[in-house]
Amino acid sequence: MNPTPILLSSDEAIAEILGEYNSFYDSVVTRIEYELIDDDYELSVGILTKHRDSPVKARVSISLASPVEFVFREQNTCSTVLSQGMFVKRFGDILFVSFDPYRDDPDTIEEYRQSYFYAASHKVSLTRLADVDG
């Protein structure tokens, strides 16, 4: 399986992905990777989630190329459950993504910045890596 990234380049693409994965309600953040590549970097967040039309769970990766903002405040937990889901909103040409498990849908940049885990980038994509039984 050679997964193809889906670029979240429009509000319609964002709505489609959030709808396909039920806004990532009760999904689990499984990894956070920060990689430096030729004087640039990428943030990648692995998530175990459920597809809207299937009982099979899926491993997906949300990638943010050259994040313009990124905050992760460590919690005393071994994994993060996105109890309220994942939130994605465009402000100008920058996409803000909140992975905060206890936050309601942020309406402003300031509300995103209050999240314990959020990132912002001009380019955000999702890749479905594999299906997981059980």
N, C-alpha and C. Protein backbone atom coordinates (compact mmCIF):
# COMPACT_ATOMS: atom_id res chain seq x y z
N MET A 1 0.84 -1.18 0.00
CA MET A 1 0.00 0.00 0.00
C MET A 1 0.89 1.25 0.00
N ASN A 2 0.72 2.09 -1.02
CA ASN A 2 1.46 3.33 -1.11
C ASN A 2 0.45 4.47 -0.93
N PRO A 3 0.29 4.95 0.31
CA PRO A 3 -0.74 5.95 0.58
C PRO A 3 -0.46 7.29 -0.09
N THR A 4 -1.53 7.93 -0.54
CA THR A 4 -1.44 9.23 -1.18
C THR A 4 -1.96 10.30 -0.23
N PRO A 5 -1.18 11.33 0.03
CA PRO A 5 -1.65 12.40 0.91
C PRO A 5 -2.81 13.17 0.27
N ILE A 6 -3.75 13.58 1.10
CA ILE A 6 -4.86 14.42 0.67
C ILE A 6 -4.59 15.81 1.21
N LEU A 7 -4.43 16.76 0.32
CA LEU A 7 -4.13 18.12 0.72
C LEU A 7 -5.40 18.82 1.19
N LEU A 8 -5.36 19.41 2.37
CA LEU A 8 -6.50 20.16 2.88
C LEU A 8 -6.37 21.60 2.39
N SER A 9 -6.65 21.78 1.11
CA SER A 9 -6.38 23.06 0.46
C SER A 9 -7.60 23.96 0.34
N SER A 10 -8.76 23.45 0.70
CA SER A 10 -9.98 24.27 0.60
C SER A 10 -10.89 23.95 1.79
N ASP A 11 -11.83 24.82 2.03
CA ASP A 11 -12.79 24.58 3.11
C ASP A 11 -13.61 23.32 2.82
N GLU A 12 -13.87 23.05 1.53
CA GLU A 12 -14.62 21.85 1.16
C GLU A 12 -13.81 20.59 1.47
N ALA A 13 -12.52 20.61 1.19
CA ALA A 13 -11.66 19.45 1.48
C ALA A 13 -11.57 19.21 2.98
N ILE A 14 -11.49 20.28 3.75
CA ILE A 14 -11.45 20.17 5.21
C ILE A 14 -12.75 19.54 5.72
N ALA A 15 -13.88 20.06 5.25
CA ALA A 15 -15.18 19.53 5.68
C ALA A 15 -15.34 18.07 5.29
N GLU A 16 -14.87 17.70 4.10
CA GLU A 16 -14.97 16.30 3.64
C GLU A 16 -14.17 15.36 4.54
N ILE A 17 -12.93 15.73 4.86
CA ILE A 17 -12.09 14.88 5.71
C ILE A 17 -12.66 14.80 7.12
N LEU A 18 -13.08 15.93 7.68
CA LEU A 18 -13.66 15.90 9.03
C LEU A 18 -14.93 15.05 9.04
N GLY A 19 -15.72 15.12 7.98
CA GLY A 19 -16.92 14.30 7.88
C GLY A 19 -16.60 12.82 7.73
N GLU A 20 -15.59 12.52 6.94
CA GLU A 20 -15.20 11.13 6.69
C GLU A 20 -14.73 10.43 7.96
N TYR A 21 -14.09 11.19 8.85
CA TYR A 21 -13.56 10.61 10.09
C TYR A 21 -14.28 11.14 11.34
N ASN A 22 -15.55 11.53 11.18
CA ASN A 22 -16.38 11.99 12.31
C ASN A 22 -15.67 13.04 13.15
N SER A 23 -15.00 13.97 12.50
CA SER A 23 -14.25 15.05 13.15
C SER A 23 -13.20 14.53 14.13
N PHE A 24 -12.85 13.25 14.00
CA PHE A 24 -11.83 12.62 14.84
C PHE A 24 -12.25 12.54 16.32
N TYR A 25 -13.57 12.53 16.56
CA TYR A 25 -14.06 12.35 17.94
C TYR A 25 -13.52 11.06 18.53
N ASP A 26 -13.04 11.13 19.76
CA ASP A 26 -12.53 9.98 20.51
C ASP A 26 -11.39 9.23 19.80
N SER A 27 -10.70 9.90 18.91
CA SER A 27 -9.51 9.32 18.29
C SER A 27 -8.33 9.46 19.25
N VAL A 28 -7.27 8.71 18.99
CA VAL A 28 -6.12 8.71 19.89
C VAL A 28 -4.89 9.20 19.13
N VAL A 29 -4.21 10.22 19.70
CA VAL A 29 -2.94 10.67 19.14
C VAL A 29 -1.90 9.64 19.55
N THR A 30 -1.26 9.02 18.57
CA THR A 30 -0.32 7.94 18.85
C THR A 30 1.14 8.36 18.74
N ARG A 31 1.41 9.43 18.00
CA ARG A 31 2.79 9.88 17.88
C ARG A 31 2.82 11.33 17.41
N ILE A 32 3.91 12.00 17.76
CA ILE A 32 4.17 13.36 17.29
C ILE A 32 5.62 13.37 16.82
N GLU A 33 5.83 13.70 15.55
CA GLU A 33 7.18 13.73 14.99
C GLU A 33 7.47 15.11 14.42
N TYR A 34 8.66 15.54 14.65
CA TYR A 34 9.13 16.83 14.18
C TYR A 34 10.43 16.56 13.44
N GLU A 35 10.43 16.79 12.13
CA GLU A 35 11.58 16.39 11.32
C GLU A 35 12.19 17.58 10.59
N LEU A 36 13.49 17.74 10.71
CA LEU A 36 14.22 18.78 10.00
C LEU A 36 14.72 18.22 8.68
N ILE A 37 14.34 18.90 7.58
CA ILE A 37 14.71 18.45 6.24
C ILE A 37 15.27 19.65 5.47
N ASP A 38 16.57 19.66 5.22
CA ASP A 38 17.20 20.72 4.41
C ASP A 38 16.77 22.13 4.84
N ASP A 39 17.06 22.51 6.05
CA ASP A 39 16.74 23.84 6.59
C ASP A 39 15.26 24.13 6.68
N ASP A 40 14.44 23.13 6.57
CA ASP A 40 13.00 23.28 6.72
C ASP A 40 12.54 22.14 7.62
N TYR A 41 11.31 22.20 8.09
CA TYR A 41 10.85 21.11 8.93
C TYR A 41 9.39 20.81 8.70
N GLU A 42 9.01 19.63 9.17
CA GLU A 42 7.63 19.15 9.03
C GLU A 42 7.19 18.57 10.36
N LEU A 43 5.97 18.86 10.71
CA LEU A 43 5.36 18.29 11.90
C LEU A 43 4.37 17.23 11.43
N SER A 44 4.43 16.05 12.03
CA SER A 44 3.54 14.96 11.66
C SER A 44 2.91 14.40 12.94
N VAL A 45 1.59 14.25 12.91
CA VAL A 45 0.84 13.75 14.07
C VAL A 45 0.12 12.48 13.65
N GLY A 46 0.46 11.37 14.28
CA GLY A 46 -0.20 10.10 14.00
C GLY A 46 -1.45 9.96 14.85
N ILE A 47 -2.53 9.49 14.23
CA ILE A 47 -3.81 9.36 14.92
C ILE A 47 -4.43 8.02 14.59
N LEU A 48 -4.96 7.36 15.60
CA LEU A 48 -5.76 6.14 15.42
C LEU A 48 -7.21 6.58 15.50
N THR A 49 -7.96 6.36 14.44
CA THR A 49 -9.32 6.89 14.35
C THR A 49 -10.26 5.88 13.71
N LYS A 50 -11.51 6.24 13.61
CA LYS A 50 -12.52 5.37 13.01
C LYS A 50 -13.12 6.09 11.81
N HIS A 51 -13.24 5.35 10.71
CA HIS A 51 -13.86 5.87 9.50
C HIS A 51 -15.37 5.90 9.70
N ARG A 52 -16.02 6.90 9.15
CA ARG A 52 -17.46 7.10 9.32
C ARG A 52 -18.29 5.87 8.95
N ASP A 53 -17.95 5.19 7.87
CA ASP A 53 -18.79 4.11 7.34
C ASP A 53 -18.25 2.72 7.61
N SER A 54 -17.33 2.56 8.57
CA SER A 54 -16.72 1.27 8.78
C SER A 54 -16.37 1.07 10.25
N PRO A 55 -16.51 -0.17 10.73
CA PRO A 55 -16.09 -0.44 12.11
C PRO A 55 -14.58 -0.58 12.24
N VAL A 56 -13.87 -0.63 11.11
CA VAL A 56 -12.42 -0.79 11.11
C VAL A 56 -11.76 0.54 11.47
N LYS A 57 -10.77 0.46 12.34
CA LYS A 57 -10.02 1.66 12.70
C LYS A 57 -8.93 1.90 11.66
N ALA A 58 -8.51 3.15 11.57
CA ALA A 58 -7.48 3.51 10.59
C ALA A 58 -6.38 4.31 11.28
N ARG A 59 -5.16 4.07 10.84
CA ARG A 59 -4.02 4.90 11.26
C ARG A 59 -3.85 5.97 10.19
N VAL A 60 -3.92 7.23 10.61
CA VAL A 60 -3.73 8.34 9.68
C VAL A 60 -2.61 9.23 10.20
N SER A 61 -2.06 10.02 9.30
CA SER A 61 -1.03 10.99 9.67
C SER A 61 -1.47 12.35 9.17
N ILE A 62 -1.46 13.33 10.05
CA ILE A 62 -1.71 14.72 9.68
C ILE A 62 -0.35 15.38 9.60
N SER A 63 0.00 15.92 8.43
CA SER A 63 1.31 16.53 8.23
C SER A 63 1.16 18.02 7.98
N LEU A 64 1.99 18.78 8.66
CA LEU A 64 2.02 20.23 8.50
C LEU A 64 3.41 20.62 8.01
N ALA A 65 3.49 21.06 6.77
CA ALA A 65 4.78 21.45 6.19
C ALA A 65 5.14 22.85 6.65
N SER A 66 6.34 23.04 7.09
CA SER A 66 6.86 24.34 7.53
C SER A 66 5.88 25.08 8.44
N PRO A 67 5.55 24.48 9.58
CA PRO A 67 4.58 25.15 10.46
C PRO A 67 5.04 26.56 10.82
N VAL A 68 4.09 27.49 10.81
CA VAL A 68 4.40 28.87 11.20
C VAL A 68 4.22 29.05 12.71
N GLU A 69 3.43 28.17 13.32
CA GLU A 69 3.26 28.14 14.78
C GLU A 69 3.08 26.69 15.19
N PHE A 70 3.58 26.38 16.40
CA PHE A 70 3.43 25.03 16.91
C PHE A 70 3.63 25.08 18.42
N VAL A 71 2.66 24.56 19.16
CA VAL A 71 2.77 24.50 20.62
C VAL A 71 2.32 23.12 21.09
N PHE A 72 3.15 22.51 21.91
CA PHE A 72 2.78 21.26 22.56
C PHE A 72 3.18 21.38 24.02
N ARG A 73 2.19 21.46 24.88
CA ARG A 73 2.44 21.52 26.31
C ARG A 73 2.22 20.12 26.87
N GLU A 74 3.27 19.51 27.32
CA GLU A 74 3.21 18.12 27.77
C GLU A 74 2.23 17.94 28.92
N GLN A 75 1.48 16.86 28.86
CA GLN A 75 0.53 16.49 29.90
C GLN A 75 1.04 15.25 30.62
N ASN A 76 0.50 14.93 31.75
CA ASN A 76 0.90 13.74 32.50
C ASN A 76 0.08 12.52 32.08
N THR A 77 0.04 12.27 30.80
CA THR A 77 -0.68 11.11 30.28
C THR A 77 0.20 10.40 29.27
N CYS A 78 -0.10 9.13 29.01
CA CYS A 78 0.71 8.37 28.06
C CYS A 78 0.17 8.50 26.64
N SER A 79 -1.10 8.87 26.49
CA SER A 79 -1.67 9.10 25.16
C SER A 79 -2.75 10.17 25.29
N THR A 80 -3.10 10.74 24.18
CA THR A 80 -4.11 11.80 24.16
C THR A 80 -5.32 11.32 23.39
N VAL A 81 -6.47 11.35 24.01
CA VAL A 81 -7.73 11.03 23.34
C VAL A 81 -8.37 12.35 22.95
N LEU A 82 -8.71 12.49 21.67
CA LEU A 82 -9.34 13.71 21.20
C LEU A 82 -10.83 13.65 21.52
N SER A 83 -11.16 13.87 22.78
CA SER A 83 -12.53 13.72 23.26
C SER A 83 -13.52 14.60 22.51
N GLN A 84 -13.11 15.79 22.15
CA GLN A 84 -13.98 16.72 21.42
C GLN A 84 -13.71 16.71 19.92
N GLY A 85 -12.77 15.87 19.49
CA GLY A 85 -12.40 15.82 18.08
C GLY A 85 -11.25 16.75 17.76
N MET A 86 -10.93 16.83 16.49
CA MET A 86 -9.86 17.70 15.99
C MET A 86 -10.52 18.87 15.28
N PHE A 87 -9.97 20.05 15.45
CA PHE A 87 -10.55 21.24 14.83
C PHE A 87 -9.56 21.83 13.83
N VAL A 88 -10.08 22.20 12.67
CA VAL A 88 -9.27 22.79 11.61
C VAL A 88 -10.01 24.02 11.11
N LYS A 89 -9.31 25.15 11.08
CA LYS A 89 -9.94 26.37 10.59
C LYS A 89 -8.90 27.22 9.87
N ARG A 90 -9.36 27.86 8.80
CA ARG A 90 -8.50 28.73 8.00
C ARG A 90 -8.66 30.18 8.46
N PHE A 91 -7.51 30.83 8.66
CA PHE A 91 -7.47 32.26 8.94
C PHE A 91 -6.53 32.85 7.88
N GLY A 92 -7.11 33.52 6.89
CA GLY A 92 -6.31 33.99 5.75
C GLY A 92 -5.80 32.79 4.98
N ASP A 93 -4.49 32.71 4.78
CA ASP A 93 -3.93 31.58 4.04
C ASP A 93 -3.25 30.57 4.97
N ILE A 94 -3.54 30.66 6.26
CA ILE A 94 -2.93 29.74 7.23
C ILE A 94 -4.02 28.87 7.86
N LEU A 95 -3.75 27.55 7.90
CA LEU A 95 -4.66 26.61 8.55
C LEU A 95 -4.19 26.38 9.98
N PHE A 96 -5.11 26.50 10.93
CA PHE A 96 -4.83 26.19 12.32
C PHE A 96 -5.49 24.85 12.63
N VAL A 97 -4.76 23.97 13.32
CA VAL A 97 -5.26 22.65 13.69
C VAL A 97 -5.09 22.51 15.20
N SER A 98 -6.19 22.19 15.89
CA SER A 98 -6.13 21.97 17.34
C SER A 98 -6.31 20.49 17.63
N PHE A 99 -5.37 19.95 18.40
CA PHE A 99 -5.42 18.57 18.85
C PHE A 99 -5.71 18.52 20.35
N ASP A 100 -6.24 19.59 20.88
CA ASP A 100 -6.51 19.70 22.31
C ASP A 100 -7.72 18.83 22.66
N PRO A 101 -7.58 17.87 23.57
CA PRO A 101 -8.67 16.93 23.84
C PRO A 101 -9.85 17.53 24.60
N TYR A 102 -9.68 18.67 25.21
CA TYR A 102 -10.74 19.22 26.07
C TYR A 102 -11.28 20.56 25.59
N ARG A 103 -10.98 20.95 24.39
CA ARG A 103 -11.37 22.27 23.91
C ARG A 103 -12.60 22.16 23.01
N ASP A 104 -13.51 23.12 23.18
CA ASP A 104 -14.60 23.26 22.23
C ASP A 104 -14.04 23.90 20.96
N ASP A 105 -14.84 23.91 19.91
CA ASP A 105 -14.41 24.43 18.63
C ASP A 105 -13.92 25.88 18.75
N PRO A 106 -12.62 26.12 18.55
CA PRO A 106 -12.09 27.48 18.66
C PRO A 106 -12.59 28.35 17.50
N ASP A 107 -12.93 29.60 17.79
CA ASP A 107 -13.42 30.51 16.76
C ASP A 107 -12.38 31.52 16.29
N THR A 108 -11.36 31.76 17.11
CA THR A 108 -10.38 32.79 16.79
C THR A 108 -8.96 32.22 16.89
N ILE A 109 -8.02 32.95 16.32
CA ILE A 109 -6.62 32.55 16.43
C ILE A 109 -6.21 32.50 17.91
N GLU A 110 -6.67 33.46 18.68
CA GLU A 110 -6.33 33.50 20.11
C GLU A 110 -6.83 32.26 20.83
N GLU A 111 -8.02 31.78 20.47
CA GLU A 111 -8.54 30.56 21.09
C GLU A 111 -7.71 29.34 20.69
N TYR A 112 -7.24 29.29 19.46
CA TYR A 112 -6.33 28.21 19.07
C TYR A 112 -5.05 28.27 19.89
N ARG A 113 -4.54 29.46 20.08
CA ARG A 113 -3.28 29.63 20.82
C ARG A 113 -3.42 29.26 22.30
N GLN A 114 -4.62 29.18 22.81
CA GLN A 114 -4.84 28.74 24.19
C GLN A 114 -4.82 27.22 24.31
N SER A 115 -4.87 26.52 23.19
CA SER A 115 -4.84 25.06 23.19
C SER A 115 -3.51 24.57 23.73
N TYR A 116 -3.52 23.41 24.38
CA TYR A 116 -2.25 22.87 24.86
C TYR A 116 -1.48 22.21 23.72
N PHE A 117 -2.17 21.88 22.60
CA PHE A 117 -1.49 21.29 21.45
C PHE A 117 -2.18 21.77 20.19
N TYR A 118 -1.50 22.67 19.46
CA TYR A 118 -2.03 23.14 18.19
C TYR A 118 -0.86 23.43 17.26
N ALA A 119 -1.16 23.54 15.97
CA ALA A 119 -0.15 23.90 14.99
C ALA A 119 -0.83 24.69 13.87
N ALA A 120 -0.05 25.50 13.18
CA ALA A 120 -0.56 26.29 12.07
C ALA A 120 0.43 26.22 10.92
N SER A 121 -0.10 26.10 9.70
CA SER A 121 0.76 25.96 8.53
C SER A 121 -0.01 26.40 7.28
N HIS A 122 0.76 26.74 6.25
CA HIS A 122 0.15 27.06 4.95
C HIS A 122 -0.27 25.78 4.22
N LYS A 123 0.36 24.65 4.59
CA LYS A 123 0.09 23.39 3.89
C LYS A 123 -0.13 22.27 4.90
N VAL A 124 -1.35 21.71 4.89
CA VAL A 124 -1.72 20.61 5.78
C VAL A 124 -2.26 19.48 4.92
N SER A 125 -1.83 18.25 5.22
CA SER A 125 -2.33 17.10 4.47
C SER A 125 -2.63 15.94 5.41
N LEU A 126 -3.46 15.03 4.94
CA LEU A 126 -3.81 13.82 5.68
C LEU A 126 -3.45 12.63 4.81
N THR A 127 -2.82 11.62 5.42
CA THR A 127 -2.51 10.38 4.72
C THR A 127 -3.08 9.22 5.53
N ARG A 128 -3.89 8.38 4.88
CA ARG A 128 -4.39 7.16 5.52
C ARG A 128 -3.32 6.10 5.36
N LEU A 129 -2.71 5.70 6.47
CA LEU A 129 -1.56 4.79 6.41
C LEU A 129 -1.95 3.32 6.35
N ALA A 130 -2.91 2.91 7.20
CA ALA A 130 -3.28 1.49 7.24
C ALA A 130 -4.57 1.33 8.01
N ASP A 131 -5.25 0.23 7.75
CA ASP A 131 -6.41 -0.16 8.55
C ASP A 131 -5.94 -1.07 9.67
N VAL A 132 -6.63 -0.99 10.79
CA VAL A 132 -6.27 -1.77 11.98
C VAL A 132 -7.51 -2.54 12.40
N ASP A 133 -7.41 -3.85 12.51
CA ASP A 133 -8.54 -4.66 12.97
C ASP A 133 -8.68 -4.53 14.48
N GLY A 134 -9.94 -4.50 14.93
CA GLY A 134 -10.18 -4.50 16.38
C GLY A 134 -10.12 -3.20 16.93
